[in-house]
C-alpha atoms as a PDB file:
ATOM      1  CA  UNK A   1       0.000   0.000   0.000  1.00  0.00           C
ATOM      2  CA  UNK A   2       2.781   2.471   0.860  1.00  0.00           C
ATOM      3  CA  UNK A   3       4.428   1.677  -2.493  1.00  0.00           C
ATOM      4  CA  UNK A   4       1.155   2.361  -4.278  1.00  0.00           C
ATOM      5  CA  UNK A   5       0.712   5.691  -2.510  1.00  0.00           C
ATOM      6  CA  UNK A   6       4.270   6.733  -3.379  1.00  0.00           C
ATOM      7  CA  UNK A   7       3.480   5.973  -6.999  1.00  0.00           C
ATOM      8  CA  UNK A   8       0.302   8.078  -6.766  1.00  0.00           C
ATOM      9  CA  UNK A   9       1.079  11.106  -4.584  1.00  0.00           C
ATOM     10  CA  UNK A  10      -1.815  13.074  -6.057  1.00  0.00           C
ATOM     11  CA  UNK A  11      -4.261  10.671  -4.421  1.00  0.00           C
ATOM     12  CA  UNK A  12      -2.609  11.404  -1.072  1.00  0.00           C
ATOM     13  CA  UNK A  13      -2.831  15.161  -1.635  1.00  0.00           C
ATOM     14  CA  UNK A  14      -6.415  15.071  -2.863  1.00  0.00           C
ATOM     15  CA  UNK A  15      -7.487  12.643  -0.164  1.00  0.00           C
ATOM     16  CA  UNK A  16      -5.856  14.787   2.520  1.00  0.00           C
ATOM     17  CA  UNK A  17      -7.654  17.910   1.307  1.00  0.00           C
ATOM     18  CA  UNK A  18     -11.020  16.127   1.213  1.00  0.00           C
ATOM     19  CA  UNK A  19     -10.421  14.540   4.626  1.00  0.00           C
ATOM     20  CA  UNK A  20      -9.528  17.954   6.018  1.00  0.00           C
ATOM     21  CA  UNK A  21     -12.797  19.420   4.723  1.00  0.00           C
ATOM     22  CA  UNK A  22     -14.767  16.554   6.234  1.00  0.00           C
ATOM     23  CA  UNK A  23     -13.046  16.987   9.598  1.00  0.00           C
ATOM     24  CA  UNK A  24     -13.790  20.714   9.581  1.00  0.00           C
ATOM     25  CA  UNK A  25     -17.469  19.996   8.917  1.00  0.00           C
ATOM     26  CA  UNK A  26     -17.677  17.290  11.592  1.00  0.00           C
ATOM     27  CA  UNK A  27     -15.861  19.275  14.284  1.00  0.00           C
ATOM     28  CA  UNK A  28     -17.249  22.702  13.360  1.00  0.00           C
ATOM     29  CA  UNK A  29     -18.482  23.425  16.916  1.00  0.00           C
ATOM     30  CA  UNK A  30     -14.944  22.861  18.230  1.00  0.00           C
ATOM     31  CA  UNK A  31     -13.205  24.839  15.466  1.00  0.00           C
ATOM     32  CA  UNK A  32     -15.462  27.881  15.154  1.00  0.00           C
ATOM     33  CA  UNK A  33     -14.678  30.449  17.870  1.00  0.00           C
ATOM     34  CA  UNK A  34     -18.133  32.063  17.755  1.00  0.00           C
ATOM     35  CA  UNK A  35     -21.759  31.201  17.172  1.00  0.00           C
ATOM     36  CA  UNK A  36     -22.211  31.669  13.389  1.00  0.00           C
ATOM     37  CA  UNK A  37     -25.656  33.261  13.727  1.00  0.00           C
ATOM     38  CA  UNK A  38     -24.985  35.366  16.851  1.00  0.00           C
ATOM     39  CA  UNK A  39     -25.521  39.075  16.142  1.00  0.00           C
ATOM     40  CA  UNK A  40     -23.257  41.685  17.757  1.00  0.00           C
ATOM     41  CA  UNK A  41     -23.898  45.176  16.382  1.00  0.00           C
ATOM     42  CA  UNK A  42     -20.926  46.610  18.273  1.00  0.00           C
ATOM     43  CA  UNK A  43     -18.588  44.411  16.178  1.00  0.00           C
ATOM     44  CA  UNK A  44     -20.192  45.083  12.777  1.00  0.00           C
ATOM     45  CA  UNK A  45     -17.904  45.272   9.709  1.00  0.00           C
ATOM     46  CA  UNK A  46     -14.725  44.676  11.691  1.00  0.00           C
ATOM     47  CA  UNK A  47     -11.720  43.875   9.435  1.00  0.00           C
ATOM     48  CA  UNK A  48      -9.705  40.690   9.967  1.00  0.00           C
ATOM     49  CA  UNK A  49      -7.789  40.703  13.245  1.00  0.00           C
ATOM     50  CA  UNK A  50      -6.796  38.643  16.246  1.00  0.00           C
ATOM     51  CA  UNK A  51     -10.373  38.378  17.552  1.00  0.00           C
ATOM     52  CA  UNK A  52     -12.061  37.774  14.196  1.00  0.00           C
ATOM     53  CA  UNK A  53      -9.663  36.059  11.802  1.00  0.00           C
ATOM     54  CA  UNK A  54     -11.781  36.804   8.718  1.00  0.00           C
ATOM     55  CA  UNK A  55     -13.533  39.879  10.085  1.00  0.00           C
ATOM     56  CA  UNK A  56     -17.257  40.313  10.702  1.00  0.00           C
ATOM     57  CA  UNK A  57     -20.259  41.116   8.541  1.00  0.00           C
ATOM     58  CA  UNK A  58     -22.654  44.052   8.907  1.00  0.00           C
ATOM     59  CA  UNK A  59     -24.504  42.246  11.718  1.00  0.00           C
ATOM     60  CA  UNK A  60     -21.325  41.567  13.655  1.00  0.00           C
ATOM     61  CA  UNK A  61     -21.317  37.844  12.900  1.00  0.00           C
ATOM     62  CA  UNK A  62     -17.915  36.203  12.727  1.00  0.00           C
ATOM     63  CA  UNK A  63     -17.104  35.401   9.072  1.00  0.00           C
ATOM     64  CA  UNK A  64     -14.667  32.597   9.917  1.00  0.00           C
ATOM     65  CA  UNK A  65     -17.268  30.828  12.053  1.00  0.00           C
ATOM     66  CA  UNK A  66     -19.822  31.113   9.274  1.00  0.00           C
ATOM     67  CA  UNK A  67     -17.347  29.682   6.767  1.00  0.00           C
ATOM     68  CA  UNK A  68     -16.608  26.740   9.072  1.00  0.00           C
ATOM     69  CA  UNK A  69     -20.285  25.969   9.652  1.00  0.00           C
ATOM     70  CA  UNK A  70     -21.028  26.558   5.961  1.00  0.00           C
ATOM     71  CA  UNK A  71     -18.865  23.540   5.153  1.00  0.00           C
ATOM     72  CA  UNK A  72     -21.555  21.372   6.754  1.00  0.00           C
ATOM     73  CA  UNK A  73     -24.156  22.613   4.287  1.00  0.00           C
ATOM     74  CA  UNK A  74     -21.948  22.305   1.212  1.00  0.00           C
ATOM     75  CA  UNK A  75     -20.574  18.853   2.022  1.00  0.00           C
ATOM     76  CA  UNK A  76     -24.013  17.568   3.042  1.00  0.00           C
ATOM     77  CA  UNK A  77     -25.428  18.720  -0.278  1.00  0.00           C
ATOM     78  CA  UNK A  78     -22.485  17.116  -2.061  1.00  0.00           C
ATOM     79  CA  UNK A  79     -22.912  13.743  -0.361  1.00  0.00           C
ATOM     80  CA  UNK A  80     -26.715  13.552  -0.489  1.00  0.00           C
ATOM     81  CA  UNK A  81     -27.181  14.875  -4.027  1.00  0.00           C
ATOM     82  CA  UNK A  82     -24.414  12.652  -5.388  1.00  0.00           C
ATOM     83  CA  UNK A  83     -26.004   9.681  -3.604  1.00  0.00           C
ATOM     84  CA  UNK A  84     -29.342  10.464  -5.269  1.00  0.00           C
ATOM     85  CA  UNK A  85     -27.732  10.700  -8.688  1.00  0.00           C
ATOM     86  CA  UNK A  86     -25.652   7.584  -8.070  1.00  0.00           C
ATOM     87  CA  UNK A  87     -28.515   5.349  -6.929  1.00  0.00           C
ATOM     88  CA  UNK A  88     -30.955   6.296  -9.677  1.00  0.00           C
ATOM     89  CA  UNK A  89     -28.402   6.827 -12.441  1.00  0.00           C
ATOM     90  CA  UNK A  90     -26.542   3.562 -11.862  1.00  0.00           C
ATOM     91  CA  UNK A  91     -29.781   1.592 -11.533  1.00  0.00           C
ATOM     92  CA  UNK A  92     -31.131   2.965 -14.808  1.00  0.00           C
ATOM     93  CA  UNK A  93     -27.790   2.455 -16.556  1.00  0.00           C
ATOM     94  CA  UNK A  94     -27.495  -1.158 -15.404  1.00  0.00           C
ATOM     95  CA  UNK A  95     -30.996  -2.035 -16.560  1.00  0.00           C
ATOM     96  CA  UNK A  96     -30.755  -0.172 -19.860  1.00  0.00           C
ATOM     97  CA  UNK A  97     -27.333  -1.547 -20.728  1.00  0.00           C
ATOM     98  CA  UNK A  98     -27.974  -5.159 -19.783  1.00  0.00           C
ATOM     99  CA  UNK A  99     -31.566  -5.606 -20.933  1.00  0.00           C
ATOM    100  CA  UNK A 100     -31.289  -3.449 -24.056  1.00  0.00           C
ATOM    101  CA  UNK A 101     -34.210  -3.273 -26.474  1.00  0.00           C
ATOM    102  CA  UNK A 102     -37.227  -1.183 -25.504  1.00  0.00           C
ATOM    103  CA  UNK A 103     -35.985  -0.638 -21.944  1.00  0.00           C
ATOM    104  CA  UNK A 104     -32.745   0.836 -23.259  1.00  0.00           C
ATOM    105  CA  UNK A 105     -34.564   2.979 -25.821  1.00  0.00           C
ATOM    106  CA  UNK A 106     -37.029   4.500 -23.348  1.00  0.00           C
ATOM    107  CA  UNK A 107     -34.432   5.040 -20.621  1.00  0.00           C
ATOM    108  CA  UNK A 108     -31.936   6.775 -22.891  1.00  0.00           C
ATOM    109  CA  UNK A 109     -34.571   8.992 -24.481  1.00  0.00           C
ATOM    110  CA  UNK A 110     -35.565  10.146 -20.998  1.00  0.00           C
ATOM    111  CA  UNK A 111     -31.914  10.829 -20.191  1.00  0.00           C
ATOM    112  CA  UNK A 112     -31.525  12.734 -23.464  1.00  0.00           C
ATOM    113  CA  UNK A 113     -34.472  14.911 -22.424  1.00  0.00           C
ATOM    114  CA  UNK A 114     -32.675  15.820 -19.194  1.00  0.00           C
ATOM    115  CA  UNK A 115     -29.457  16.509 -21.104  1.00  0.00           C
ATOM    116  CA  UNK A 116     -31.311  18.945 -23.367  1.00  0.00           C
ATOM    117  CA  UNK A 117     -31.086  21.518 -20.570  1.00  0.00           C
ATOM    118  CA  UNK A 118     -27.859  22.962 -19.126  1.00  0.00           C
ATOM    119  CA  UNK A 119     -27.255  21.308 -15.761  1.00  0.00           C
ATOM    120  CA  UNK A 120     -27.294  24.451 -13.637  1.00  0.00           C
ATOM    121  CA  UNK A 121     -30.338  25.892 -15.429  1.00  0.00           C
ATOM    122  CA  UNK A 122     -32.222  22.634 -14.852  1.00  0.00           C
ATOM    123  CA  UNK A 123     -31.233  22.656 -11.164  1.00  0.00           C
ATOM    124  CA  UNK A 124     -32.485  26.236 -10.820  1.00  0.00           C
ATOM    125  CA  UNK A 125     -35.787  25.340 -12.514  1.00  0.00           C
ATOM    126  CA  UNK A 126     -36.383  22.288 -10.308  1.00  0.00           C
ATOM    127  CA  UNK A 127     -35.526  24.157  -7.104  1.00  0.00           C
ATOM    128  CA  UNK A 128     -37.732  27.092  -8.064  1.00  0.00           C
ATOM    129  CA  UNK A 129     -40.614  24.711  -8.762  1.00  0.00           C
ATOM    130  CA  UNK A 130     -40.199  22.807  -5.491  1.00  0.00           C
ATOM    131  CA  UNK A 131     -39.495  25.871  -3.351  1.00  0.00           C
ATOM    132  CA  UNK A 132     -36.389  27.638  -2.030  1.00  0.00           C
ATOM    133  CA  UNK A 133     -35.135  25.148   0.574  1.00  0.00           C
ATOM    134  CA  UNK A 134     -31.848  23.347   0.993  1.00  0.00           C
ATOM    135  CA  UNK A 135     -33.600  19.961   0.850  1.00  0.00           C
ATOM    136  CA  UNK A 136     -35.102  20.854  -2.521  1.00  0.00           C
ATOM    137  CA  UNK A 137     -31.705  22.030  -3.743  1.00  0.00           C
ATOM    138  CA  UNK A 138     -30.289  18.606  -2.849  1.00  0.00           C
ATOM    139  CA  UNK A 139     -33.041  16.892  -4.851  1.00  0.00           C
ATOM    140  CA  UNK A 140     -32.519  19.202  -7.833  1.00  0.00           C
ATOM    141  CA  UNK A 141     -28.752  18.689  -7.927  1.00  0.00           C
ATOM    142  CA  UNK A 142     -29.270  14.945  -7.525  1.00  0.00           C
ATOM    143  CA  UNK A 143     -31.667  14.844 -10.486  1.00  0.00           C
ATOM    144  CA  UNK A 144     -29.184  16.811 -12.588  1.00  0.00           C
ATOM    145  CA  UNK A 145     -26.488  14.230 -11.750  1.00  0.00           C
ATOM    146  CA  UNK A 146     -28.528  11.232 -12.938  1.00  0.00           C
ATOM    147  CA  UNK A 147     -27.737  11.471 -16.701  1.00  0.00           C
ATOM    148  CA  UNK A 148     -23.960  11.330 -16.208  1.00  0.00           C
ATOM    149  CA  UNK A 149     -24.188   8.197 -14.060  1.00  0.00           C
ATOM    150  CA  UNK A 150     -26.693   6.578 -16.411  1.00  0.00           C
ATOM    151  CA  UNK A 151     -24.637   7.103 -19.556  1.00  0.00           C
ATOM    152  CA  UNK A 152     -21.401   6.074 -17.865  1.00  0.00           C
ATOM    153  CA  UNK A 153     -22.922   2.930 -16.343  1.00  0.00           C
ATOM    154  CA  UNK A 154     -24.652   1.955 -19.585  1.00  0.00           C
ATOM    155  CA  UNK A 155     -21.389   2.294 -21.503  1.00  0.00           C
ATOM    156  CA  UNK A 156     -19.600   0.106 -18.969  1.00  0.00           C
ATOM    157  CA  UNK A 157     -22.341  -2.523 -19.103  1.00  0.00           C
ATOM    158  CA  UNK A 158     -22.323  -2.628 -22.907  1.00  0.00           C
ATOM    159  CA  UNK A 159     -18.592  -3.310 -22.854  1.00  0.00           C
ATOM    160  CA  UNK A 160     -18.888  -6.003 -20.179  1.00  0.00           C
ATOM    161  CA  UNK A 161     -22.009  -7.961 -21.037  1.00  0.00           C
ATOM    162  CA  UNK A 162     -20.371  -9.806 -23.961  1.00  0.00           C
ATOM    163  CA  UNK A 163     -17.249 -10.770 -22.020  1.00  0.00           C
ATOM    164  CA  UNK A 164     -16.522 -14.461 -21.606  1.00  0.00           C
ATOM    165  CA  UNK A 165     -17.165 -14.555 -17.858  1.00  0.00           C
ATOM    166  CA  UNK A 166     -20.612 -12.971 -18.324  1.00  0.00           C
ATOM    167  CA  UNK A 167     -21.499 -15.359 -21.152  1.00  0.00           C
ATOM    168  CA  UNK A 168     -20.346 -18.273 -19.006  1.00  0.00           C
ATOM    169  CA  UNK A 169     -22.539 -17.096 -16.122  1.00  0.00           C
ATOM    170  CA  UNK A 170     -25.550 -16.956 -18.444  1.00  0.00           C
ATOM    171  CA  UNK A 171     -24.865 -20.429 -19.789  1.00  0.00           C
ATOM    172  CA  UNK A 172     -24.837 -22.009 -16.333  1.00  0.00           C
ATOM    173  CA  UNK A 173     -28.124 -20.302 -15.463  1.00  0.00           C
ATOM    174  CA  UNK A 174     -27.011 -17.558 -13.064  1.00  0.00           C
ATOM    175  CA  UNK A 175     -29.999 -15.210 -12.453  1.00  0.00           C
ATOM    176  CA  UNK A 176     -29.907 -11.864 -14.248  1.00  0.00           C
ATOM    177  CA  UNK A 177     -29.984  -9.837 -11.045  1.00  0.00           C
ATOM    178  CA  UNK A 178     -27.016 -11.763  -9.658  1.00  0.00           C
ATOM    179  CA  UNK A 179     -25.040 -11.277 -12.864  1.00  0.00           C
ATOM    180  CA  UNK A 180     -25.692  -7.543 -12.805  1.00  0.00           C
ATOM    181  CA  UNK A 181     -24.916  -7.013  -9.120  1.00  0.00           C
ATOM    182  CA  UNK A 182     -22.111  -9.549  -8.561  1.00  0.00           C
ATOM    183  CA  UNK A 183     -20.284  -9.515 -11.880  1.00  0.00           C
ATOM    184  CA  UNK A 184     -21.038  -6.376 -13.901  1.00  0.00           C
ATOM    185  CA  UNK A 185     -21.412  -3.684 -11.242  1.00  0.00           C
ATOM    186  CA  UNK A 186     -18.106  -4.429  -9.416  1.00  0.00           C
ATOM    187  CA  UNK A 187     -16.232  -4.303 -12.710  1.00  0.00           C
ATOM    188  CA  UNK A 188     -17.773  -0.921 -13.520  1.00  0.00           C
ATOM    189  CA  UNK A 189     -17.166   0.545 -10.054  1.00  0.00           C
ATOM    190  CA  UNK A 190     -13.801   2.188 -10.788  1.00  0.00           C
ATOM    191  CA  UNK A 191     -15.279   4.609 -13.306  1.00  0.00           C
ATOM    192  CA  UNK A 192     -18.234   5.289 -11.010  1.00  0.00           C
ATOM    193  CA  UNK A 193     -15.952   6.155  -8.081  1.00  0.00           C
ATOM    194  CA  UNK A 194     -14.170   8.734 -10.216  1.00  0.00           C
ATOM    195  CA  UNK A 195     -17.486  10.158 -11.410  1.00  0.00           C
ATOM    196  CA  UNK A 196     -18.728  10.439  -7.813  1.00  0.00           C
ATOM    197  CA  UNK A 197     -15.702  12.501  -6.815  1.00  0.00           C
ATOM    198  CA  UNK A 198     -16.074  14.859  -9.777  1.00  0.00           C
ATOM    199  CA  UNK A 199     -19.840  15.089  -9.271  1.00  0.00           C
ATOM    200  CA  UNK A 200     -19.328  16.135  -5.642  1.00  0.00           C
ATOM    201  CA  UNK A 201     -17.277  19.110  -6.816  1.00  0.00           C
ATOM    202  CA  UNK A 202     -20.078  20.131  -9.188  1.00  0.00           C
ATOM    203  CA  UNK A 203     -22.685  19.660  -6.438  1.00  0.00           C
ATOM    204  CA  UNK A 204     -20.813  22.005  -4.081  1.00  0.00           C
ATOM    205  CA  UNK A 205     -20.523  24.621  -6.813  1.00  0.00           C
ATOM    206  CA  UNK A 206     -24.182  24.202  -7.794  1.00  0.00           C
ATOM    207  CA  UNK A 207     -25.319  24.556  -4.174  1.00  0.00           C
ATOM    208  CA  UNK A 208     -23.310  27.758  -3.855  1.00  0.00           C
ATOM    209  CA  UNK A 209     -24.936  29.091  -7.023  1.00  0.00           C
ATOM    210  CA  UNK A 210     -28.436  28.180  -5.842  1.00  0.00           C
ATOM    211  CA  UNK A 211     -27.830  29.723  -2.418  1.00  0.00           C
ATOM    212  CA  UNK A 212     -26.402  32.826  -4.102  1.00  0.00           C
ATOM    213  CA  UNK A 213     -29.702  33.146  -5.999  1.00  0.00           C
ATOM    214  CA  UNK A 214     -31.730  32.604  -2.829  1.00  0.00           C
ATOM    215  CA  UNK A 215     -32.937  29.132  -3.830  1.00  0.00           C
ATOM    216  CA  UNK A 216     -30.798  27.058  -1.476  1.00  0.00           C
ATOM    217  CA  UNK A 217     -29.922  27.613   2.150  1.00  0.00           C
ATOM    218  CA  UNK A 218     -32.033  30.318   3.794  1.00  0.00           C
ATOM    219  CA  UNK A 219     -30.964  32.989   6.344  1.00  0.00           C
ATOM    220  CA  UNK A 220     -29.689  32.944   9.020  1.00  0.00           C
ATOM    221  CA  UNK A 221     -28.249  29.507   8.225  1.00  0.00           C
ATOM    222  CA  UNK A 222     -24.578  29.894   7.206  1.00  0.00           C
ATOM    223  CA  UNK A 223     -23.935  29.051   3.570  1.00  0.00           C
ATOM    224  CA  UNK A 224     -20.993  29.968   1.349  1.00  0.00           C
ATOM    225  CA  UNK A 225     -23.070  30.998  -1.658  1.00  0.00           C
ATOM    226  CA  UNK A 226     -25.603  32.895   0.414  1.00  0.00           C
ATOM    227  CA  UNK A 227     -22.869  34.792   2.274  1.00  0.00           C
ATOM    228  CA  UNK A 228     -21.200  35.841  -0.995  1.00  0.00           C
ATOM    229  CA  UNK A 229     -24.529  37.167  -2.247  1.00  0.00           C
ATOM    230  CA  UNK A 230     -25.108  38.969   1.047  1.00  0.00           C
ATOM    231  CA  UNK A 231     -21.662  40.567   1.051  1.00  0.00           C
ATOM    232  CA  UNK A 232     -21.567  41.810  -2.545  1.00  0.00           C
ATOM    233  CA  UNK A 233     -23.274  45.064  -1.568  1.00  0.00           C
ATOM    234  CA  UNK A 234     -20.229  45.961   0.531  1.00  0.00           C
ATOM    235  CA  UNK A 235     -17.559  45.293  -2.075  1.00  0.00           C
ATOM    236  CA  UNK A 236     -17.755  48.890  -3.292  1.00  0.00           C
ATOM    237  CA  UNK A 237     -16.852  49.985   0.253  1.00  0.00           C
ATOM    238  CA  UNK A 238     -13.779  47.725   0.228  1.00  0.00           C
ATOM    239  CA  UNK A 239     -15.262  45.323   2.779  1.00  0.00           C
ATOM    240  CA  UNK A 240     -13.596  42.494   0.870  1.00  0.00           C
ATOM    241  CA  UNK A 241     -13.272  40.055   3.766  1.00  0.00           C
ATOM    242  CA  UNK A 242     -16.999  39.293   3.845  1.00  0.00           C
ATOM    243  CA  UNK A 243     -16.843  37.546   0.469  1.00  0.00           C
ATOM    244  CA  UNK A 244     -13.196  36.434   0.516  1.00  0.00           C
ATOM    245  CA  UNK A 245     -13.741  33.779   3.202  1.00  0.00           C
ATOM    246  CA  UNK A 246     -16.639  31.889   1.581  1.00  0.00           C
ATOM    247  CA  UNK A 247     -15.100  32.409  -1.873  1.00  0.00           C
ATOM    248  CA  UNK A 248     -11.829  30.764  -0.840  1.00  0.00           C
ATOM    249  CA  UNK A 249     -13.799  27.964   0.838  1.00  0.00           C
ATOM    250  CA  UNK A 250     -15.747  27.208  -2.362  1.00  0.00           C
ATOM    251  CA  UNK A 251     -12.554  27.245  -4.420  1.00  0.00           C
ATOM    252  CA  UNK A 252     -10.777  24.920  -1.983  1.00  0.00           C
ATOM    253  CA  UNK A 253     -13.638  22.407  -1.820  1.00  0.00           C
ATOM    254  CA  UNK A 254     -14.164  22.266  -5.586  1.00  0.00           C
ATOM    255  CA  UNK A 255     -10.416  22.023  -6.206  1.00  0.00           C
ATOM    256  CA  UNK A 256     -10.024  19.220  -3.634  1.00  0.00           C
ATOM    257  CA  UNK A 257     -12.718  16.981  -5.112  1.00  0.00           C
ATOM    258  CA  UNK A 258     -11.706  17.672  -8.710  1.00  0.00           C
ATOM    259  CA  UNK A 259      -8.056  17.005  -7.878  1.00  0.00           C
ATOM    260  CA  UNK A 260      -8.958  13.749  -6.138  1.00  0.00           C
ATOM    261  CA  UNK A 261     -11.191  12.716  -9.024  1.00  0.00           C
ATOM    262  CA  UNK A 262      -8.465  13.325 -11.599  1.00  0.00           C
ATOM    263  CA  UNK A 263      -5.945  11.409  -9.485  1.00  0.00           C
ATOM    264  CA  UNK A 264      -8.317   8.464  -9.057  1.00  0.00           C
ATOM    265  CA  UNK A 265      -9.045   8.402 -12.779  1.00  0.00           C
ATOM    266  CA  UNK A 266      -5.355   8.191 -13.618  1.00  0.00           C
ATOM    267  CA  UNK A 267      -4.702   5.569 -10.941  1.00  0.00           C
ATOM    268  CA  UNK A 268      -7.692   3.340 -11.727  1.00  0.00           C
ATOM    269  CA  UNK A 269      -7.498   3.466 -15.523  1.00  0.00           C
ATOM    270  CA  UNK A 270      -5.473   0.390 -16.601  1.00  0.00           C
ATOM    271  CA  UNK A 271      -4.512   2.012 -19.910  1.00  0.00           C
ATOM    272  CA  UNK A 272      -2.957   4.977 -18.125  1.00  0.00           C
ATOM    273  CA  UNK A 273      -1.184   2.646 -15.686  1.00  0.00           C
ATOM    274  CA  UNK A 274       0.364   0.705 -18.556  1.00  0.00           C
ATOM    275  CA  UNK A 275       1.447   3.931 -20.269  1.00  0.00           C
ATOM    276  CA  UNK A 276       3.202   5.005 -17.057  1.00  0.00           C
END
């Protein structure tokens, strides 16, 4: 294992960044020095200093504490929305790819209909229809993630279902469900793991965009996108710290998951391993 990690240092770096974000979210009450929603008018618009590392907003709330607690919202949206997309997308892709015929035709035409809309625009439309709540934002981002999982899984199944070990399993009478779950899905899991990591980065960015538009997390709940939207009115007065904290947090989270996803893709792709 240590040899493998030395050969793939990017996985270590990406994994460390992601683990750090998860630890911050889990231990937010221990890390944040202040209550993220506590109002203190006497400390309003304080610049970064020893008491408030990232300054305060116009209500006197500590920006650093809000950034720390905001990680809980962003990572929760990432995990839950990606899980929704994974479960439904992989299930549809497995059925469409293995059964083929009419099932494949209907499933892929439905996926094509979802792909007809830009992902973020579709997420905005779904959230607006369901109502501006963080739970609805999770559902919307999860629905947007389904097509990518479906197409990826279907492609993997099409390449696997004619392999000798699958044909042998059919010949000896192994049930279809067992073939799909015990033989095809494990062999397609590498690509799906990479897609999950990359999809988490998109989910965090999409949640920030929805919250920025007022369709995600609602005040006074701390959220990176919402706080950037709230602070933009003060940028002309050079109160840069109000948006710098959540902006850096979004960049770091998206970079961490994208970096990890790229590293996993290179490490798990046998063609790239042989080229190395």
